[in-house]
Amino acid sequence: MSEPDILLTPPDAAEAAVLARGIVSAAEGPGGLTPLQDLLIRATFHSMTGHEVDPAACAPISPGDFAAALGRRNEIFRTRIVQVMLLAALVVRPLPGQVATRLRRVPGGAARAICRWCRCRRRRSRGWSACIPRSRTCCR
């Protein structure tokens, strides 16, 4: 993508709503968002974008559609969105298996880091307590 095609301005309210949909779609468990996740997403979006979002009103979005919505953003922006997604998911203990599976489907380079983490999570859930991420090779 050439420089003029990359969108470097802060997200407007409509884009913030799409970003929230992607994060909620990936992070919510079978029973929906926890109150802590709801508060965290609201506060993060208000702080980072200046726009209010209502996580409870977010319609699901597929990983492919979410990736397309981020298509004009640079890698730094996309990585930050994945970090917010992970933060919203990881405040739930134990992490539901469905959420780990959805996180692995996040498109792009960040998905590799998520996959390593998810494999580690599955191993810990099976009693492999030694699989604590300390290096890039812990989950191979």
C-alpha atoms as a PDB file:
ATOM      1  CA  MET A   1       0.000   0.000   0.000  1.00  0.00           C
ATOM      2  CA  SER A   2       1.427   3.384  -0.910  1.00  0.00           C
ATOM      3  CA  GLU A   3       1.824   6.192   1.630  1.00  0.00           C
ATOM      4  CA  PRO A   4      -1.230   8.192   0.449  1.00  0.00           C
ATOM      5  CA  ASP A   5      -3.453   5.131   0.901  1.00  0.00           C
ATOM      6  CA  ILE A   6      -2.535   4.647   4.574  1.00  0.00           C
ATOM      7  CA  LEU A   7      -4.947   6.350   6.956  1.00  0.00           C
ATOM      8  CA  LEU A   8      -2.984   8.063   9.750  1.00  0.00           C
ATOM      9  CA  THR A   9      -5.696  10.272  11.233  1.00  0.00           C
ATOM     10  CA  PRO A  10      -7.434   9.343  14.491  1.00  0.00           C
ATOM     11  CA  PRO A  11     -10.508   7.165  14.019  1.00  0.00           C
ATOM     12  CA  ASP A  12     -13.847   8.916  13.708  1.00  0.00           C
ATOM     13  CA  ALA A  13     -16.921   7.734  15.626  1.00  0.00           C
ATOM     14  CA  ALA A  14     -17.975   5.326  12.864  1.00  0.00           C
ATOM     15  CA  GLU A  15     -14.556   3.681  12.688  1.00  0.00           C
ATOM     16  CA  ALA A  16     -14.376   3.507  16.503  1.00  0.00           C
ATOM     17  CA  ALA A  17     -17.685   1.623  16.445  1.00  0.00           C
ATOM     18  CA  VAL A  18     -16.290  -0.897  13.923  1.00  0.00           C
ATOM     19  CA  LEU A  19     -13.128  -1.326  16.000  1.00  0.00           C
ATOM     20  CA  ALA A  20     -15.253  -1.960  19.084  1.00  0.00           C
ATOM     21  CA  ARG A  21     -17.269  -4.563  17.163  1.00  0.00           C
ATOM     22  CA  GLY A  22     -14.070  -6.428  16.283  1.00  0.00           C
ATOM     23  CA  ILE A  23     -12.730  -6.351  19.810  1.00  0.00           C
ATOM     24  CA  VAL A  24     -16.031  -7.398  21.374  1.00  0.00           C
ATOM     25  CA  SER A  25     -16.530 -10.156  18.773  1.00  0.00           C
ATOM     26  CA  ALA A  26     -13.139 -11.635  19.649  1.00  0.00           C
ATOM     27  CA  ALA A  27     -13.144 -11.115  23.424  1.00  0.00           C
ATOM     28  CA  GLU A  28     -16.650 -11.982  24.563  1.00  0.00           C
ATOM     29  CA  GLY A  29     -17.269 -15.381  26.102  1.00  0.00           C
ATOM     30  CA  PRO A  30     -20.319 -17.622  25.744  1.00  0.00           C
ATOM     31  CA  GLY A  31     -22.216 -15.515  28.289  1.00  0.00           C
ATOM     32  CA  GLY A  32     -21.242 -12.203  26.705  1.00  0.00           C
ATOM     33  CA  LEU A  33     -18.866  -9.649  28.156  1.00  0.00           C
ATOM     34  CA  THR A  34     -18.172  -9.503  31.861  1.00  0.00           C
ATOM     35  CA  PRO A  35     -18.792  -6.171  33.625  1.00  0.00           C
ATOM     36  CA  LEU A  36     -15.021  -5.670  33.830  1.00  0.00           C
ATOM     37  CA  GLN A  37     -14.609  -6.247  30.076  1.00  0.00           C
ATOM     38  CA  ASP A  38     -17.432  -3.805  29.343  1.00  0.00           C
ATOM     39  CA  LEU A  39     -15.864  -1.135  31.562  1.00  0.00           C
ATOM     40  CA  LEU A  40     -12.384  -1.761  30.155  1.00  0.00           C
ATOM     41  CA  ILE A  41     -13.516  -1.460  26.522  1.00  0.00           C
ATOM     42  CA  ARG A  42     -15.533   1.693  27.235  1.00  0.00           C
ATOM     43  CA  ALA A  43     -12.647   3.349  29.082  1.00  0.00           C
ATOM     44  CA  THR A  44     -10.023   2.318  26.538  1.00  0.00           C
ATOM     45  CA  PHE A  45     -12.019   3.637  23.596  1.00  0.00           C
ATOM     46  CA  HIS A  46     -12.855   6.897  25.334  1.00  0.00           C
ATOM     47  CA  SER A  47      -9.206   7.419  26.227  1.00  0.00           C
ATOM     48  CA  MET A  48      -7.671   6.340  22.913  1.00  0.00           C
ATOM     49  CA  THR A  49     -10.210   7.650  20.396  1.00  0.00           C
ATOM     50  CA  GLY A  50     -12.242  10.289  22.236  1.00  0.00           C
ATOM     51  CA  HIS A  51     -15.413   8.470  21.188  1.00  0.00           C
ATOM     52  CA  GLU A  52     -17.894   6.614  23.361  1.00  0.00           C
ATOM     53  CA  VAL A  53     -18.725   3.022  22.445  1.00  0.00           C
ATOM     54  CA  ASP A  54     -21.353   0.705  23.874  1.00  0.00           C
ATOM     55  CA  PRO A  55     -19.899  -2.812  23.906  1.00  0.00           C
ATOM     56  CA  ALA A  56     -23.304  -4.348  24.695  1.00  0.00           C
ATOM     57  CA  ALA A  57     -24.700  -2.907  21.454  1.00  0.00           C
ATOM     58  CA  CYS A  58     -21.867  -4.162  19.234  1.00  0.00           C
ATOM     59  CA  ALA A  59     -23.048  -6.522  16.507  1.00  0.00           C
ATOM     60  CA  PRO A  60     -20.669  -9.407  15.746  1.00  0.00           C
ATOM     61  CA  ILE A  61     -18.196  -8.979  12.892  1.00  0.00           C
ATOM     62  CA  SER A  62     -16.260 -11.749  11.138  1.00  0.00           C
ATOM     63  CA  PRO A  63     -12.440 -11.783  11.296  1.00  0.00           C
ATOM     64  CA  GLY A  64     -12.306 -11.201   7.527  1.00  0.00           C
ATOM     65  CA  ASP A  65     -14.630  -8.197   7.648  1.00  0.00           C
ATOM     66  CA  PHE A  66     -12.705  -6.792  10.607  1.00  0.00           C
ATOM     67  CA  ALA A  67      -9.414  -7.213   8.738  1.00  0.00           C
ATOM     68  CA  ALA A  68     -10.927  -5.421   5.742  1.00  0.00           C
ATOM     69  CA  ALA A  69     -12.033  -2.567   8.010  1.00  0.00           C
ATOM     70  CA  LEU A  70      -8.427  -2.215   9.213  1.00  0.00           C
ATOM     71  CA  GLY A  71      -7.018  -2.439   5.692  1.00  0.00           C
ATOM     72  CA  ARG A  72      -6.105   1.241   5.377  1.00  0.00           C
ATOM     73  CA  ARG A  73      -4.415   1.376   8.782  1.00  0.00           C
ATOM     74  CA  ASN A  74      -0.692   0.840   9.295  1.00  0.00           C
ATOM     75  CA  GLU A  75       0.841  -2.064  11.200  1.00  0.00           C
ATOM     76  CA  ILE A  76       1.360  -0.005  14.352  1.00  0.00           C
ATOM     77  CA  PHE A  77      -2.351   0.849  14.519  1.00  0.00           C
ATOM     78  CA  ARG A  78      -3.430  -2.733  13.780  1.00  0.00           C
ATOM     79  CA  THR A  79      -1.053  -4.072  16.428  1.00  0.00           C
ATOM     80  CA  ARG A  80      -2.482  -1.686  19.020  1.00  0.00           C
ATOM     81  CA  ILE A  81      -5.989  -2.907  18.205  1.00  0.00           C
ATOM     82  CA  VAL A  82      -4.871  -6.528  18.673  1.00  0.00           C
ATOM     83  CA  GLN A  83      -3.311  -5.545  22.008  1.00  0.00           C
ATOM     84  CA  VAL A  84      -6.598  -4.009  23.157  1.00  0.00           C
ATOM     85  CA  MET A  85      -8.372  -7.160  21.962  1.00  0.00           C
ATOM     86  CA  LEU A  86      -6.022  -9.345  24.013  1.00  0.00           C
ATOM     87  CA  LEU A  87      -6.335  -7.107  27.058  1.00  0.00           C
ATOM     88  CA  ALA A  88     -10.127  -7.317  26.911  1.00  0.00           C
ATOM     89  CA  ALA A  89      -9.959 -11.110  26.574  1.00  0.00           C
ATOM     90  CA  LEU A  90      -7.279 -11.814  29.154  1.00  0.00           C
ATOM     91  CA  VAL A  91      -9.074 -10.213  32.094  1.00  0.00           C
ATOM     92  CA  VAL A  92     -11.349 -13.282  32.142  1.00  0.00           C
ATOM     93  CA  ARG A  93      -9.958 -16.240  34.078  1.00  0.00           C
ATOM     94  CA  PRO A  94     -10.059 -18.952  32.967  1.00  0.00           C
ATOM     95  CA  LEU A  95     -10.101 -17.869  29.353  1.00  0.00           C
ATOM     96  CA  PRO A  96     -12.937 -19.694  27.557  1.00  0.00           C
ATOM     97  CA  GLY A  97     -11.695 -22.023  24.808  1.00  0.00           C
ATOM     98  CA  GLN A  98     -14.022 -20.351  22.284  1.00  0.00           C
ATOM     99  CA  VAL A  99     -12.312 -17.015  22.905  1.00  0.00           C
ATOM    100  CA  ALA A 100      -8.850 -18.532  22.455  1.00  0.00           C
ATOM    101  CA  THR A 101      -9.992 -20.042  19.156  1.00  0.00           C
ATOM    102  CA  ARG A 102     -11.360 -16.691  17.932  1.00  0.00           C
ATOM    103  CA  LEU A 103      -8.157 -14.904  18.915  1.00  0.00           C
ATOM    104  CA  ARG A 104      -6.124 -17.352  16.831  1.00  0.00           C
ATOM    105  CA  ARG A 105      -8.140 -16.306  13.770  1.00  0.00           C
ATOM    106  CA  VAL A 106      -7.027 -12.670  13.956  1.00  0.00           C
ATOM    107  CA  PRO A 107      -5.477 -11.952  10.552  1.00  0.00           C
ATOM    108  CA  GLY A 108      -1.942 -10.707  10.128  1.00  0.00           C
ATOM    109  CA  GLY A 109       1.392 -11.013  11.834  1.00  0.00           C
ATOM    110  CA  ALA A 110      -0.033 -10.444  15.304  1.00  0.00           C
ATOM    111  CA  ALA A 111      -1.935 -13.715  14.955  1.00  0.00           C
ATOM    112  CA  ARG A 112       1.324 -15.658  15.260  1.00  0.00           C
ATOM    113  CA  ALA A 113       1.955 -14.263  18.732  1.00  0.00           C
ATOM    114  CA  ILE A 114      -1.642 -14.999  19.673  1.00  0.00           C
ATOM    115  CA  CYS A 115      -1.312 -18.575  18.391  1.00  0.00           C
ATOM    116  CA  ARG A 116       1.761 -19.145  20.547  1.00  0.00           C
ATOM    117  CA  TRP A 117      -0.098 -17.790  23.545  1.00  0.00           C
ATOM    118  CA  CYS A 118      -3.224 -19.868  22.811  1.00  0.00           C
ATOM    119  CA  ARG A 119      -1.196 -23.071  22.495  1.00  0.00           C
ATOM    120  CA  CYS A 120       0.357 -22.239  25.819  1.00  0.00           C
ATOM    121  CA  ARG A 121      -3.078 -21.651  27.321  1.00  0.00           C
ATOM    122  CA  ARG A 122      -4.310 -25.028  26.078  1.00  0.00           C
ATOM    123  CA  ARG A 123      -1.260 -26.752  27.528  1.00  0.00           C
ATOM    124  CA  ARG A 124      -1.750 -25.063  30.901  1.00  0.00           C
ATOM    125  CA  SER A 125      -5.405 -26.085  30.901  1.00  0.00           C
ATOM    126  CA  ARG A 126      -4.212 -29.682  30.497  1.00  0.00           C
ATOM    127  CA  GLY A 127      -1.861 -29.339  33.452  1.00  0.00           C
ATOM    128  CA  TRP A 128       1.339 -28.283  31.666  1.00  0.00           C
ATOM    129  CA  SER A 129       2.162 -25.630  34.244  1.00  0.00           C
ATOM    130  CA  ALA A 130       5.730 -25.377  32.951  1.00  0.00           C
ATOM    131  CA  CYS A 131       4.516 -23.661  29.780  1.00  0.00           C
ATOM    132  CA  ILE A 132       4.840 -20.091  30.995  1.00  0.00           C
ATOM    133  CA  PRO A 133       5.794 -17.780  28.124  1.00  0.00           C
ATOM    134  CA  ARG A 134       9.352 -16.620  28.784  1.00  0.00           C
ATOM    135  CA  SER A 135      10.676 -16.544  25.276  1.00  0.00           C
ATOM    136  CA  ARG A 136       9.558 -16.687  21.676  1.00  0.00           C
ATOM    137  CA  THR A 137      10.178 -20.423  21.591  1.00  0.00           C
ATOM    138  CA  CYS A 138       8.242 -21.539  24.677  1.00  0.00           C
ATOM    139  CA  CYS A 139       5.231 -22.842  22.777  1.00  0.00           C
ATOM    140  CA  ARG A 140       6.805 -24.422  19.727  1.00  0.00           C
END
